[in-house]
PDB file of N, CA and C in Angstrom:
ATOM      1  N   UNK A   1     -21.671   7.664   5.842  1.00  0.00           N
ATOM      2  CA  UNK A   1     -22.469   7.248   4.716  1.00  0.00           C
ATOM      3  C   UNK A   1     -21.558   6.992   3.515  1.00  0.00           C
ATOM      4  N   UNK A   2     -21.642   5.831   2.965  1.00  0.00           N
ATOM      5  CA  UNK A   2     -20.823   5.463   1.813  1.00  0.00           C
ATOM      6  C   UNK A   2     -21.576   5.798   0.522  1.00  0.00           C
ATOM      7  N   UNK A   3     -20.812   6.223  -0.459  1.00  0.00           N
ATOM      8  CA  UNK A   3     -21.409   6.492  -1.769  1.00  0.00           C
ATOM      9  C   UNK A   3     -21.598   5.184  -2.520  1.00  0.00           C
ATOM     10  N   UNK A   4     -22.621   5.135  -3.350  1.00  0.00           N
ATOM     11  CA  UNK A   4     -22.804   3.962  -4.191  1.00  0.00           C
ATOM     12  C   UNK A   4     -21.684   3.919  -5.217  1.00  0.00           C
ATOM     13  N   UNK A   5     -21.435   2.766  -5.777  1.00  0.00           N
ATOM     14  CA  UNK A   5     -20.389   2.615  -6.781  1.00  0.00           C
ATOM     15  C   UNK A   5     -20.584   3.556  -7.960  1.00  0.00           C
ATOM     16  N   UNK A   6     -21.826   3.755  -8.357  1.00  0.00           N
ATOM     17  CA  UNK A   6     -22.118   4.632  -9.486  1.00  0.00           C
ATOM     18  C   UNK A   6     -21.767   6.090  -9.170  1.00  0.00           C
ATOM     19  N   UNK A   7     -22.094   6.536  -7.973  1.00  0.00           N
ATOM     20  CA  UNK A   7     -21.764   7.914  -7.583  1.00  0.00           C
ATOM     21  C   UNK A   7     -20.261   8.101  -7.420  1.00  0.00           C
ATOM     22  N   UNK A   8     -19.582   7.094  -6.911  1.00  0.00           N
ATOM     23  CA  UNK A   8     -18.128   7.159  -6.778  1.00  0.00           C
ATOM     24  C   UNK A   8     -17.485   7.250  -8.153  1.00  0.00           C
ATOM     25  N   UNK A   9     -17.923   6.427  -9.088  1.00  0.00           N
ATOM     26  CA  UNK A   9     -17.392   6.465 -10.456  1.00  0.00           C
ATOM     27  C   UNK A   9     -17.640   7.826 -11.097  1.00  0.00           C
ATOM     28  N   UNK A  10     -18.835   8.376 -10.878  1.00  0.00           N
ATOM     29  CA  UNK A  10     -19.147   9.695 -11.418  1.00  0.00           C
ATOM     30  C   UNK A  10     -18.216  10.749 -10.823  1.00  0.00           C
ATOM     31  N   UNK A  11     -17.996  10.685  -9.516  1.00  0.00           N
ATOM     32  CA  UNK A  11     -17.127  11.653  -8.844  1.00  0.00           C
ATOM     33  C   UNK A  11     -15.698  11.567  -9.353  1.00  0.00           C
ATOM     34  N   UNK A  12     -15.204  10.360  -9.549  1.00  0.00           N
ATOM     35  CA  UNK A  12     -13.856  10.165 -10.087  1.00  0.00           C
ATOM     36  C   UNK A  12     -13.754  10.749 -11.499  1.00  0.00           C
ATOM     37  N   UNK A  13     -14.746  10.476 -12.310  1.00  0.00           N
ATOM     38  CA  UNK A  13     -14.756  10.993 -13.684  1.00  0.00           C
ATOM     39  C   UNK A  13     -14.838  12.512 -13.715  1.00  0.00           C
ATOM     40  N   UNK A  14     -15.637  13.081 -12.827  1.00  0.00           N
ATOM     41  CA  UNK A  14     -15.763  14.530 -12.753  1.00  0.00           C
ATOM     42  C   UNK A  14     -14.430  15.164 -12.347  1.00  0.00           C
ATOM     43  N   UNK A  15     -13.757  14.585 -11.367  1.00  0.00           N
ATOM     44  CA  UNK A  15     -12.439  15.101 -10.957  1.00  0.00           C
ATOM     45  C   UNK A  15     -11.453  15.052 -12.115  1.00  0.00           C
ATOM     46  N   UNK A  16     -11.451  13.959 -12.864  1.00  0.00           N
ATOM     47  CA  UNK A  16     -10.549  13.836 -14.010  1.00  0.00           C
ATOM     48  C   UNK A  16     -10.875  14.888 -15.062  1.00  0.00           C
ATOM     49  N   UNK A  17     -12.139  15.094 -15.320  1.00  0.00           N
ATOM     50  CA  UNK A  17     -12.557  16.079 -16.322  1.00  0.00           C
ATOM     51  C   UNK A  17     -12.154  17.488 -15.906  1.00  0.00           C
ATOM     52  N   UNK A  18     -12.391  17.830 -14.652  1.00  0.00           N
ATOM     53  CA  UNK A  18     -12.030  19.164 -14.175  1.00  0.00           C
ATOM     54  C   UNK A  18     -10.515  19.352 -14.124  1.00  0.00           C
ATOM     55  N   UNK A  19      -9.775  18.325 -13.732  1.00  0.00           N
ATOM     56  CA  UNK A  19      -8.311  18.411 -13.709  1.00  0.00           C
ATOM     57  C   UNK A  19      -7.762  18.604 -15.118  1.00  0.00           C
ATOM     58  N   UNK A  20      -8.420  18.015 -16.106  1.00  0.00           N
ATOM     59  CA  UNK A  20      -7.935  18.127 -17.487  1.00  0.00           C
ATOM     60  C   UNK A  20      -7.998  19.566 -18.000  1.00  0.00           C
ATOM     61  N   UNK A  21      -8.883  20.371 -17.448  1.00  0.00           N
ATOM     62  CA  UNK A  21      -8.954  21.780 -17.845  1.00  0.00           C
ATOM     63  C   UNK A  21      -7.670  22.503 -17.422  1.00  0.00           C
ATOM     64  N   UNK A  22      -7.238  22.275 -16.182  1.00  0.00           N
ATOM     65  CA  UNK A  22      -5.978  22.877 -15.730  1.00  0.00           C
ATOM     66  C   UNK A  22      -4.786  22.321 -16.502  1.00  0.00           C
ATOM     67  N   UNK A  23      -4.787  21.028 -16.735  1.00  0.00           N
ATOM     68  CA  UNK A  23      -3.688  20.403 -17.482  1.00  0.00           C
ATOM     69  C   UNK A  23      -3.607  20.983 -18.885  1.00  0.00           C
ATOM     70  N   UNK A  24      -4.748  21.148 -19.531  1.00  0.00           N
ATOM     71  CA  UNK A  24      -4.781  21.719 -20.878  1.00  0.00           C
ATOM     72  C   UNK A  24      -4.245  23.142 -20.894  1.00  0.00           C
ATOM     73  N   UNK A  25      -4.590  23.918 -19.880  1.00  0.00           N
ATOM     74  CA  UNK A  25      -4.117  25.301 -19.793  1.00  0.00           C
ATOM     75  C   UNK A  25      -2.600  25.351 -19.681  1.00  0.00           C
ATOM     76  N   UNK A  26      -2.062  24.522 -18.811  1.00  0.00           N
ATOM     77  CA  UNK A  26      -0.620  24.530 -18.574  1.00  0.00           C
ATOM     78  C   UNK A  26       0.151  23.955 -19.749  1.00  0.00           C
ATOM     79  N   UNK A  27      -0.363  22.899 -20.354  1.00  0.00           N
ATOM     80  CA  UNK A  27       0.372  22.225 -21.427  1.00  0.00           C
ATOM     81  C   UNK A  27       0.014  22.726 -22.824  1.00  0.00           C
ATOM     82  N   UNK A  28      -0.857  23.722 -22.890  1.00  0.00           N
ATOM     83  CA  UNK A  28      -1.250  24.322 -24.173  1.00  0.00           C
ATOM     84  C   UNK A  28      -1.780  23.286 -25.174  1.00  0.00           C
ATOM     85  N   UNK A  29      -2.680  22.446 -24.706  1.00  0.00           N
ATOM     86  CA  UNK A  29      -3.352  21.496 -25.596  1.00  0.00           C
ATOM     87  C   UNK A  29      -4.844  21.585 -25.316  1.00  0.00           C
ATOM     88  N   UNK A  30      -5.646  20.872 -26.081  1.00  0.00           N
ATOM     89  CA  UNK A  30      -7.077  20.943 -25.795  1.00  0.00           C
ATOM     90  C   UNK A  30      -7.441  19.965 -24.669  1.00  0.00           C
ATOM     91  N   UNK A  31      -8.597  20.153 -24.097  1.00  0.00           N
ATOM     92  CA  UNK A  31      -8.988  19.370 -22.929  1.00  0.00           C
ATOM     93  C   UNK A  31      -9.159  17.887 -23.239  1.00  0.00           C
ATOM     94  N   UNK A  32      -9.535  17.563 -24.462  1.00  0.00           N
ATOM     95  CA  UNK A  32      -9.673  16.153 -24.842  1.00  0.00           C
ATOM     96  C   UNK A  32      -8.327  15.453 -24.788  1.00  0.00           C
ATOM     97  N   UNK A  33      -7.292  16.109 -25.316  1.00  0.00           N
ATOM     98  CA  UNK A  33      -5.942  15.536 -25.266  1.00  0.00           C
ATOM     99  C   UNK A  33      -5.459  15.439 -23.826  1.00  0.00           C
ATOM    100  N   UNK A  34      -5.711  16.471 -23.050  1.00  0.00           N
ATOM    101  CA  UNK A  34      -5.287  16.478 -21.649  1.00  0.00           C
ATOM    102  C   UNK A  34      -5.970  15.367 -20.862  1.00  0.00           C
ATOM    103  N   UNK A  35      -7.261  15.176 -21.098  1.00  0.00           N
ATOM    104  CA  UNK A  35      -7.997  14.125 -20.400  1.00  0.00           C
ATOM    105  C   UNK A  35      -7.468  12.745 -20.793  1.00  0.00           C
ATOM    106  N   UNK A  36      -7.239  12.534 -22.076  1.00  0.00           N
ATOM    107  CA  UNK A  36      -6.714  11.243 -22.532  1.00  0.00           C
ATOM    108  C   UNK A  36      -5.345  10.958 -21.920  1.00  0.00           C
ATOM    109  N   UNK A  37      -4.490  11.976 -21.866  1.00  0.00           N
ATOM    110  CA  UNK A  37      -3.162  11.800 -21.277  1.00  0.00           C
ATOM    111  C   UNK A  37      -3.255  11.510 -19.788  1.00  0.00           C
ATOM    112  N   UNK A  38      -4.129  12.230 -19.087  1.00  0.00           N
ATOM    113  CA  UNK A  38      -4.306  11.991 -17.657  1.00  0.00           C
ATOM    114  C   UNK A  38      -4.794  10.572 -17.408  1.00  0.00           C
ATOM    115  N   UNK A  39      -5.788  10.133 -18.163  1.00  0.00           N
ATOM    116  CA  UNK A  39      -6.348   8.798 -17.955  1.00  0.00           C
ATOM    117  C   UNK A  39      -5.346   7.692 -18.239  1.00  0.00           C
ATOM    118  N   UNK A  40      -4.388   7.952 -19.136  1.00  0.00           N
ATOM    119  CA  UNK A  40      -3.377   6.955 -19.490  1.00  0.00           C
ATOM    120  C   UNK A  40      -2.176   6.972 -18.535  1.00  0.00           C
ATOM    121  N   UNK A  41      -2.169   7.902 -17.599  1.00  0.00           N
ATOM    122  CA  UNK A  41      -1.014   8.083 -16.713  1.00  0.00           C
ATOM    123  C   UNK A  41      -1.165   7.297 -15.415  1.00  0.00           C
ATOM    124  N   UNK A  42      -0.071   7.258 -14.657  1.00  0.00           N
ATOM    125  CA  UNK A  42      -0.109   6.645 -13.329  1.00  0.00           C
ATOM    126  C   UNK A  42      -1.047   7.423 -12.405  1.00  0.00           C
ATOM    127  N   UNK A  43      -1.022   8.741 -12.521  1.00  0.00           N
ATOM    128  CA  UNK A  43      -1.933   9.566 -11.719  1.00  0.00           C
ATOM    129  C   UNK A  43      -3.378   9.222 -12.041  1.00  0.00           C
ATOM    130  N   UNK A  44      -3.693   9.048 -13.324  1.00  0.00           N
ATOM    131  CA  UNK A  44      -5.043   8.670 -13.720  1.00  0.00           C
ATOM    132  C   UNK A  44      -5.440   7.311 -13.179  1.00  0.00           C
ATOM    133  N   UNK A  45      -4.495   6.385 -13.192  1.00  0.00           N
ATOM    134  CA  UNK A  45      -4.767   5.055 -12.646  1.00  0.00           C
ATOM    135  C   UNK A  45      -5.054   5.147 -11.141  1.00  0.00           C
ATOM    136  N   UNK A  46      -4.249   5.954 -10.449  1.00  0.00           N
ATOM    137  CA  UNK A  46      -4.447   6.133  -9.015  1.00  0.00           C
ATOM    138  C   UNK A  46      -5.768   6.842  -8.718  1.00  0.00           C
ATOM    139  N   UNK A  47      -6.150   7.770  -9.577  1.00  0.00           N
ATOM    140  CA  UNK A  47      -7.404   8.494  -9.390  1.00  0.00           C
ATOM    141  C   UNK A  47      -8.595   7.547  -9.361  1.00  0.00           C
ATOM    142  N   UNK A  48      -8.554   6.510 -10.182  1.00  0.00           N
ATOM    143  CA  UNK A  48      -9.674   5.576 -10.271  1.00  0.00           C
ATOM    144  C   UNK A  48      -9.517   4.360  -9.356  1.00  0.00           C
ATOM    145  N   UNK A  49      -8.498   4.370  -8.498  1.00  0.00           N
ATOM    146  CA  UNK A  49      -8.343   3.331  -7.478  1.00  0.00           C
ATOM    147  C   UNK A  49      -9.007   3.853  -6.205  1.00  0.00           C
ATOM    148  N   UNK A  50     -10.194   3.394  -5.936  1.00  0.00           N
ATOM    149  CA  UNK A  50     -10.984   3.931  -4.828  1.00  0.00           C
ATOM    150  C   UNK A  50     -10.282   3.785  -3.485  1.00  0.00           C
ATOM    151  N   UNK A  51      -9.427   2.778  -3.330  1.00  0.00           N
ATOM    152  CA  UNK A  51      -8.758   2.578  -2.048  1.00  0.00           C
ATOM    153  C   UNK A  51      -7.780   3.708  -1.729  1.00  0.00           C
ATOM    154  N   UNK A  52      -7.290   4.423  -2.749  1.00  0.00           N
ATOM    155  CA  UNK A  52      -6.342   5.519  -2.539  1.00  0.00           C
ATOM    156  C   UNK A  52      -7.032   6.844  -2.229  1.00  0.00           C
ATOM    157  N   UNK A  53      -8.294   6.954  -2.593  1.00  0.00           N
ATOM    158  CA  UNK A  53      -9.101   8.163  -2.331  1.00  0.00           C
ATOM    159  C   UNK A  53      -8.506   9.442  -2.939  1.00  0.00           C
ATOM    160  N   UNK A  54      -7.730   9.305  -4.016  1.00  0.00           N
ATOM    161  CA  UNK A  54      -7.185  10.495  -4.675  1.00  0.00           C
ATOM    162  C   UNK A  54      -8.315  11.388  -5.182  1.00  0.00           C
ATOM    163  N   UNK A  55      -9.429  10.803  -5.524  1.00  0.00           N
ATOM    164  CA  UNK A  55     -10.563  11.580  -6.029  1.00  0.00           C
ATOM    165  C   UNK A  55     -11.164  12.481  -4.953  1.00  0.00           C
ATOM    166  N   UNK A  56     -10.760  12.307  -3.703  1.00  0.00           N
ATOM    167  CA  UNK A  56     -11.201  13.199  -2.636  1.00  0.00           C
ATOM    168  C   UNK A  56     -10.458  14.528  -2.695  1.00  0.00           C
ATOM    169  N   UNK A  57      -9.331  14.552  -3.392  1.00  0.00           N
ATOM    170  CA  UNK A  57      -8.540  15.773  -3.536  1.00  0.00           C
ATOM    171  C   UNK A  57      -9.214  16.711  -4.535  1.00  0.00           C
ATOM    172  N   UNK A  58      -8.762  17.948  -4.560  1.00  0.00           N
ATOM    173  CA  UNK A  58      -9.316  18.893  -5.524  1.00  0.00           C
ATOM    174  C   UNK A  58      -8.784  18.562  -6.927  1.00  0.00           C
ATOM    175  N   UNK A  59      -9.531  18.905  -7.967  1.00  0.00           N
ATOM    176  CA  UNK A  59      -9.040  18.701  -9.332  1.00  0.00           C
ATOM    177  C   UNK A  59      -7.691  19.379  -9.577  1.00  0.00           C
ATOM    178  N   UNK A  60      -7.469  20.517  -8.941  1.00  0.00           N
ATOM    179  CA  UNK A  60      -6.190  21.217  -9.090  1.00  0.00           C
ATOM    180  C   UNK A  60      -5.042  20.390  -8.509  1.00  0.00           C
ATOM    181  N   UNK A  61      -5.274  19.736  -7.371  1.00  0.00           N
ATOM    182  CA  UNK A  61      -4.250  18.859  -6.793  1.00  0.00           C
ATOM    183  C   UNK A  61      -3.960  17.673  -7.698  1.00  0.00           C
ATOM    184  N   UNK A  62      -4.993  17.161  -8.331  1.00  0.00           N
ATOM    185  CA  UNK A  62      -4.818  16.042  -9.256  1.00  0.00           C
ATOM    186  C   UNK A  62      -4.028  16.503 -10.477  1.00  0.00           C
ATOM    187  N   UNK A  63      -4.353  17.674 -10.989  1.00  0.00           N
ATOM    188  CA  UNK A  63      -3.598  18.232 -12.125  1.00  0.00           C
ATOM    189  C   UNK A  63      -2.135  18.441 -11.747  1.00  0.00           C
ATOM    190  N   UNK A  64      -1.896  18.946 -10.546  1.00  0.00           N
ATOM    191  CA  UNK A  64      -0.523  19.158 -10.074  1.00  0.00           C
ATOM    192  C   UNK A  64       0.228  17.838  -9.987  1.00  0.00           C
ATOM    193  N   UNK A  65      -0.405  16.813  -9.457  1.00  0.00           N
ATOM    194  CA  UNK A  65       0.230  15.492  -9.363  1.00  0.00           C
ATOM    195  C   UNK A  65       0.586  14.959 -10.746  1.00  0.00           C
ATOM    196  N   UNK A  66      -0.330  15.133 -11.704  1.00  0.00           N
ATOM    197  CA  UNK A  66      -0.061  14.676 -13.075  1.00  0.00           C
ATOM    198  C   UNK A  66       1.099  15.454 -13.688  1.00  0.00           C
ATOM    199  N   UNK A  67       1.095  16.772 -13.547  1.00  0.00           N
ATOM    200  CA  UNK A  67       2.165  17.588 -14.124  1.00  0.00           C
ATOM    201  C   UNK A  67       3.512  17.232 -13.512  1.00  0.00           C
ATOM    202  N   UNK A  68       3.547  16.949 -12.222  1.00  0.00           N
ATOM    203  CA  UNK A  68       4.781  16.507 -11.587  1.00  0.00           C
ATOM    204  C   UNK A  68       5.207  15.146 -12.123  1.00  0.00           C
ATOM    205  N   UNK A  69       4.242  14.274 -12.343  1.00  0.00           N
ATOM    206  CA  UNK A  69       4.541  12.939 -12.876  1.00  0.00           C
ATOM    207  C   UNK A  69       5.242  13.024 -14.232  1.00  0.00           C
ATOM    208  N   UNK A  70       4.776  13.926 -15.086  1.00  0.00           N
ATOM    209  CA  UNK A  70       5.367  14.016 -16.430  1.00  0.00           C
ATOM    210  C   UNK A  70       6.554  14.972 -16.482  1.00  0.00           C
ATOM    211  N   UNK A  71       6.901  15.540 -15.334  1.00  0.00           N
ATOM    212  CA  UNK A  71       8.066  16.407 -15.272  1.00  0.00           C
ATOM    213  C   UNK A  71       7.850  17.800 -15.829  1.00  0.00           C
ATOM    214  N   UNK A  72       6.618  18.244 -15.872  1.00  0.00           N
ATOM    215  CA  UNK A  72       6.309  19.578 -16.374  1.00  0.00           C
ATOM    216  C   UNK A  72       6.301  20.576 -15.225  1.00  0.00           C
ATOM    217  N   UNK A  73       6.696  21.788 -15.525  1.00  0.00           N
ATOM    218  CA  UNK A  73       6.692  22.860 -14.531  1.00  0.00           C
ATOM    219  C   UNK A  73       5.282  23.061 -13.995  1.00  0.00           C
ATOM    220  N   UNK A  74       5.168  23.066 -12.687  1.00  0.00           N
ATOM    221  CA  UNK A  74       3.873  23.306 -12.049  1.00  0.00           C
ATOM    222  C   UNK A  74       3.823  24.774 -11.649  1.00  0.00           C
ATOM    223  N   UNK A  75       2.807  25.487 -12.081  1.00  0.00           N
ATOM    224  CA  UNK A  75       2.731  26.917 -11.757  1.00  0.00           C
ATOM    225  C   UNK A  75       2.593  27.143 -10.256  1.00  0.00           C
ATOM    226  N   UNK A  76       3.245  28.176  -9.776  1.00  0.00           N
ATOM    227  CA  UNK A  76       3.101  28.525  -8.367  1.00  0.00           C
ATOM    228  C   UNK A  76       1.812  29.300  -8.141  1.00  0.00           C
ATOM    229  N   UNK A  77       1.307  29.913  -9.197  1.00  0.00           N
ATOM    230  CA  UNK A  77       0.055  30.634  -9.131  1.00  0.00           C
ATOM    231  C   UNK A  77      -0.821  30.157 -10.287  1.00  0.00           C
ATOM    232  N   UNK A  78      -2.009  29.671  -9.978  1.00  0.00           N
ATOM    233  CA  UNK A  78      -2.899  29.142 -11.006  1.00  0.00           C
ATOM    234  C   UNK A  78      -3.896  30.219 -11.432  1.00  0.00           C
ATOM    235  N   UNK A  79      -3.415  31.294 -12.010  1.00  0.00           N
ATOM    236  CA  UNK A  79      -4.377  32.276 -12.498  1.00  0.00           C
ATOM    237  C   UNK A  79      -4.773  31.938 -13.928  1.00  0.00           C
ATOM    238  N   UNK A  80      -5.819  32.531 -14.394  1.00  0.00           N
ATOM    239  CA  UNK A  80      -6.382  32.170 -15.699  1.00  0.00           C
ATOM    240  C   UNK A  80      -5.502  32.567 -16.870  1.00  0.00           C
ATOM    241  N   UNK A  81      -4.529  33.450 -16.639  1.00  0.00           N
ATOM    242  CA  UNK A  81      -3.650  33.882 -17.725  1.00  0.00           C
ATOM    243  C   UNK A  81      -2.368  33.065 -17.807  1.00  0.00           C
ATOM    244  N   UNK A  82      -2.218  32.071 -16.945  1.00  0.00           N
ATOM    245  CA  UNK A  82      -0.981  31.307 -16.912  1.00  0.00           C
ATOM    246  C   UNK A  82      -0.895  30.404 -18.128  1.00  0.00           C
ATOM    247  N   UNK A  83       0.249  30.403 -18.792  1.00  0.00           N
ATOM    248  CA  UNK A  83       0.482  29.477 -19.906  1.00  0.00           C
ATOM    249  C   UNK A  83       1.837  28.836 -19.700  1.00  0.00           C
ATOM    250  N   UNK A  84       2.071  27.764 -20.403  1.00  0.00           N
ATOM    251  CA  UNK A  84       3.314  27.004 -20.236  1.00  0.00           C
ATOM    252  C   UNK A  84       4.525  27.841 -20.612  1.00  0.00           C
ATOM    253  N   UNK A  85       5.578  27.651 -19.829  1.00  0.00           N
ATOM    254  CA  UNK A  85       6.853  28.292 -20.162  1.00  0.00           C
ATOM    255  C   UNK A  85       7.575  27.387 -21.149  1.00  0.00           C
ATOM    256  N   UNK A  86       8.063  27.967 -22.213  1.00  0.00           N
ATOM    257  CA  UNK A  86       8.726  27.160 -23.240  1.00  0.00           C
ATOM    258  C   UNK A  86      10.217  27.254 -23.062  1.00  0.00           C
TER     259      UNK A  86
END
C-alpha cells in the first residue's frame, strides 16, 4: 500500500521535526534553529527526496546523518543529559 503524497510529505516533515530535537540537544541551540539548519543541509534535501526513502529511518538516524555531515561529534549514547562537548 502506497502512501498518498500528502501523508508522505507529513511523514517527512515529522521526521525532520523530531530529528531537530536531537540536533538541538547536541548542538546547544533551540529546535527552530536546528530545524532550519537541517532543512538547509544536504541531509535535509535527501530527507525530502522520496526516492531515497531517508524518511523511513528513525529521526535519531537522521539527526546522526546531519551531525556527521556538519562534522559535529555524534554521541555514542543518546541519553537526555547529553550536551555538546566544547
